[in-house]
Amino acid sequence: MGKFTASSIELMAKMKPANFPRIDNKKELFRKCIYEWEVEPPRLPKNAKKIDVREKNDFELYKTKKGKYLVIRDDKDLKKAKKLAKEIGCKIVLPNN
């Protein structure tokens, strides 16, 4: 079903394509259908500018006109990043490497 970029890292596991077929649960299904798609994590926008943070922080913060971004480099940091992102109101993204 193609490849698309997730709107956020937190929702990646729940994302499905916009054109995902509707299934009528009222009828009995006689075939098993397997749908596959690829979800890319959101990346730091190219025009983002780094924010200098006075407090010690394990993550890099960036901003654009559309919002703030917290960059993580490893999924083991996700739990800590989610907490910080919620506190400062930013989106969690991966770097553009």
C-alpha atoms as a PDB file:
ATOM      1  CA  MET A   1       0.000   0.000   0.000  1.00  0.00           C
ATOM      2  CA  GLY A   2       3.002   2.210  -0.333  1.00  0.00           C
ATOM      3  CA  LYS A   3       5.193   4.262   1.903  1.00  0.00           C
ATOM      4  CA  PHE A   4       4.399   7.398   3.897  1.00  0.00           C
ATOM      5  CA  THR A   5       5.786   9.545   6.706  1.00  0.00           C
ATOM      6  CA  ALA A   6       4.151   9.378  10.116  1.00  0.00           C
ATOM      7  CA  SER A   7       2.770  12.566  11.609  1.00  0.00           C
ATOM      8  CA  SER A   8       4.573  11.772  14.873  1.00  0.00           C
ATOM      9  CA  ILE A   9       6.913   9.146  16.293  1.00  0.00           C
ATOM     10  CA  GLU A  10       4.491   8.412  19.115  1.00  0.00           C
ATOM     11  CA  LEU A  11       1.748   7.372  16.673  1.00  0.00           C
ATOM     12  CA  MET A  12       3.874   5.385  14.200  1.00  0.00           C
ATOM     13  CA  ALA A  13       2.616   1.973  15.329  1.00  0.00           C
ATOM     14  CA  LYS A  14      -1.024   3.030  14.886  1.00  0.00           C
ATOM     15  CA  MET A  15      -0.653   4.702  11.482  1.00  0.00           C
ATOM     16  CA  LYS A  16      -2.324   3.265   8.413  1.00  0.00           C
ATOM     17  CA  PRO A  17      -2.650   4.608   4.875  1.00  0.00           C
ATOM     18  CA  ALA A  18      -5.404   7.094   4.106  1.00  0.00           C
ATOM     19  CA  ASN A  19      -6.571   4.816   1.266  1.00  0.00           C
ATOM     20  CA  PHE A  20      -6.883   1.737   3.519  1.00  0.00           C
ATOM     21  CA  PRO A  21      -9.909  -0.268   2.318  1.00  0.00           C
ATOM     22  CA  ARG A  22     -12.995  -0.338   4.506  1.00  0.00           C
ATOM     23  CA  ILE A  23     -14.075  -3.788   5.564  1.00  0.00           C
ATOM     24  CA  ASP A  24     -17.763  -4.599   5.860  1.00  0.00           C
ATOM     25  CA  ASN A  25     -18.036  -6.522   9.146  1.00  0.00           C
ATOM     26  CA  LYS A  26     -21.623  -7.503   8.396  1.00  0.00           C
ATOM     27  CA  LYS A  27     -20.598  -9.914   5.680  1.00  0.00           C
ATOM     28  CA  GLU A  28     -18.655 -13.097   6.210  1.00  0.00           C
ATOM     29  CA  LEU A  29     -15.175 -12.947   4.724  1.00  0.00           C
ATOM     30  CA  PHE A  30     -14.071 -15.904   2.625  1.00  0.00           C
ATOM     31  CA  ARG A  31     -10.527 -14.744   1.961  1.00  0.00           C
ATOM     32  CA  LYS A  32      -7.714 -13.566   4.114  1.00  0.00           C
ATOM     33  CA  CYS A  33      -6.166 -10.336   2.825  1.00  0.00           C
ATOM     34  CA  ILE A  34      -2.813  -9.055   3.993  1.00  0.00           C
ATOM     35  CA  TYR A  35      -2.101  -5.363   3.514  1.00  0.00           C
ATOM     36  CA  GLU A  36       1.440  -4.075   3.837  1.00  0.00           C
ATOM     37  CA  TRP A  37       2.765  -0.539   4.018  1.00  0.00           C
ATOM     38  CA  GLU A  38       5.883   1.210   5.205  1.00  0.00           C
ATOM     39  CA  VAL A  39       5.828   4.036   7.741  1.00  0.00           C
ATOM     40  CA  GLU A  40       8.786   6.436   7.837  1.00  0.00           C
ATOM     41  CA  PRO A  41       9.447   8.367  11.053  1.00  0.00           C
ATOM     42  CA  PRO A  42       9.183  12.148  10.885  1.00  0.00           C
ATOM     43  CA  ARG A  43      12.492  13.932  10.237  1.00  0.00           C
ATOM     44  CA  LEU A  44      13.805  17.321  11.277  1.00  0.00           C
ATOM     45  CA  PRO A  45      12.790  19.921   8.676  1.00  0.00           C
ATOM     46  CA  LYS A  46      15.732  21.215   6.631  1.00  0.00           C
ATOM     47  CA  ASN A  47      14.963  24.835   7.486  1.00  0.00           C
ATOM     48  CA  ALA A  48      14.973  24.235  11.277  1.00  0.00           C
ATOM     49  CA  LYS A  49      17.234  26.429  13.407  1.00  0.00           C
ATOM     50  CA  LYS A  50      18.877  25.087  16.556  1.00  0.00           C
ATOM     51  CA  ILE A  51      17.650  26.534  19.850  1.00  0.00           C
ATOM     52  CA  ASP A  52      20.272  27.284  22.486  1.00  0.00           C
ATOM     53  CA  VAL A  53      19.009  25.802  25.746  1.00  0.00           C
ATOM     54  CA  ARG A  54      20.321  27.160  29.034  1.00  0.00           C
ATOM     55  CA  GLU A  55      19.288  24.122  31.057  1.00  0.00           C
ATOM     56  CA  LYS A  56      21.180  20.836  30.685  1.00  0.00           C
ATOM     57  CA  ASN A  57      19.318  18.650  28.253  1.00  0.00           C
ATOM     58  CA  ASP A  58      20.032  15.277  26.606  1.00  0.00           C
ATOM     59  CA  PHE A  59      18.317  16.314  23.371  1.00  0.00           C
ATOM     60  CA  GLU A  60      18.811  18.951  20.701  1.00  0.00           C
ATOM     61  CA  LEU A  61      15.938  21.374  20.182  1.00  0.00           C
ATOM     62  CA  TYR A  62      15.103  23.149  16.923  1.00  0.00           C
ATOM     63  CA  LYS A  63      12.385  25.479  15.703  1.00  0.00           C
ATOM     64  CA  THR A  64      10.727  26.587  12.479  1.00  0.00           C
ATOM     65  CA  LYS A  65       7.783  28.876  11.809  1.00  0.00           C
ATOM     66  CA  LYS A  66       5.544  25.800  12.148  1.00  0.00           C
ATOM     67  CA  GLY A  67       6.766  24.696  15.578  1.00  0.00           C
ATOM     68  CA  LYS A  68       9.455  23.222  17.812  1.00  0.00           C
ATOM     69  CA  TYR A  69      11.223  19.891  17.368  1.00  0.00           C
ATOM     70  CA  LEU A  70      13.071  17.606  19.763  1.00  0.00           C
ATOM     71  CA  VAL A  71      15.620  15.342  18.030  1.00  0.00           C
ATOM     72  CA  ILE A  72      16.228  11.798  19.264  1.00  0.00           C
ATOM     73  CA  ARG A  73      18.943   9.516  17.933  1.00  0.00           C
ATOM     74  CA  ASP A  74      17.988   6.228  19.621  1.00  0.00           C
ATOM     75  CA  ASP A  75      14.595   4.698  20.423  1.00  0.00           C
ATOM     76  CA  LYS A  76      15.742   3.940  23.993  1.00  0.00           C
ATOM     77  CA  ASP A  77      15.442   7.719  24.590  1.00  0.00           C
ATOM     78  CA  LEU A  78      11.810   7.828  23.475  1.00  0.00           C
ATOM     79  CA  LYS A  79      10.209   7.590  26.936  1.00  0.00           C
ATOM     80  CA  LYS A  80      12.313  10.462  28.295  1.00  0.00           C
ATOM     81  CA  ALA A  81      11.792  12.451  25.080  1.00  0.00           C
ATOM     82  CA  LYS A  82       7.992  12.056  25.266  1.00  0.00           C
ATOM     83  CA  LYS A  83       7.945  13.539  28.760  1.00  0.00           C
ATOM     84  CA  LEU A  84      10.096  16.520  27.771  1.00  0.00           C
ATOM     85  CA  ALA A  85       8.220  17.072  24.499  1.00  0.00           C
ATOM     86  CA  LYS A  86       4.926  17.223  26.381  1.00  0.00           C
ATOM     87  CA  GLU A  87       6.348  19.730  28.882  1.00  0.00           C
ATOM     88  CA  ILE A  88       7.692  22.135  26.248  1.00  0.00           C
ATOM     89  CA  GLY A  89       5.119  21.477  23.523  1.00  0.00           C
ATOM     90  CA  CYS A  90       7.233  20.136  20.682  1.00  0.00           C
ATOM     91  CA  LYS A  91       7.259  17.297  18.165  1.00  0.00           C
ATOM     92  CA  ILE A  92       9.729  14.383  18.418  1.00  0.00           C
ATOM     93  CA  VAL A  93      11.688  13.764  15.215  1.00  0.00           C
ATOM     94  CA  LEU A  94      14.780  11.979  13.924  1.00  0.00           C
ATOM     95  CA  PRO A  95      17.782  13.837  12.516  1.00  0.00           C
ATOM     96  CA  ASN A  96      18.196  14.290   8.760  1.00  0.00           C
ATOM     97  CA  ASN A  97      21.215  11.952   8.407  1.00  0.00           C
END
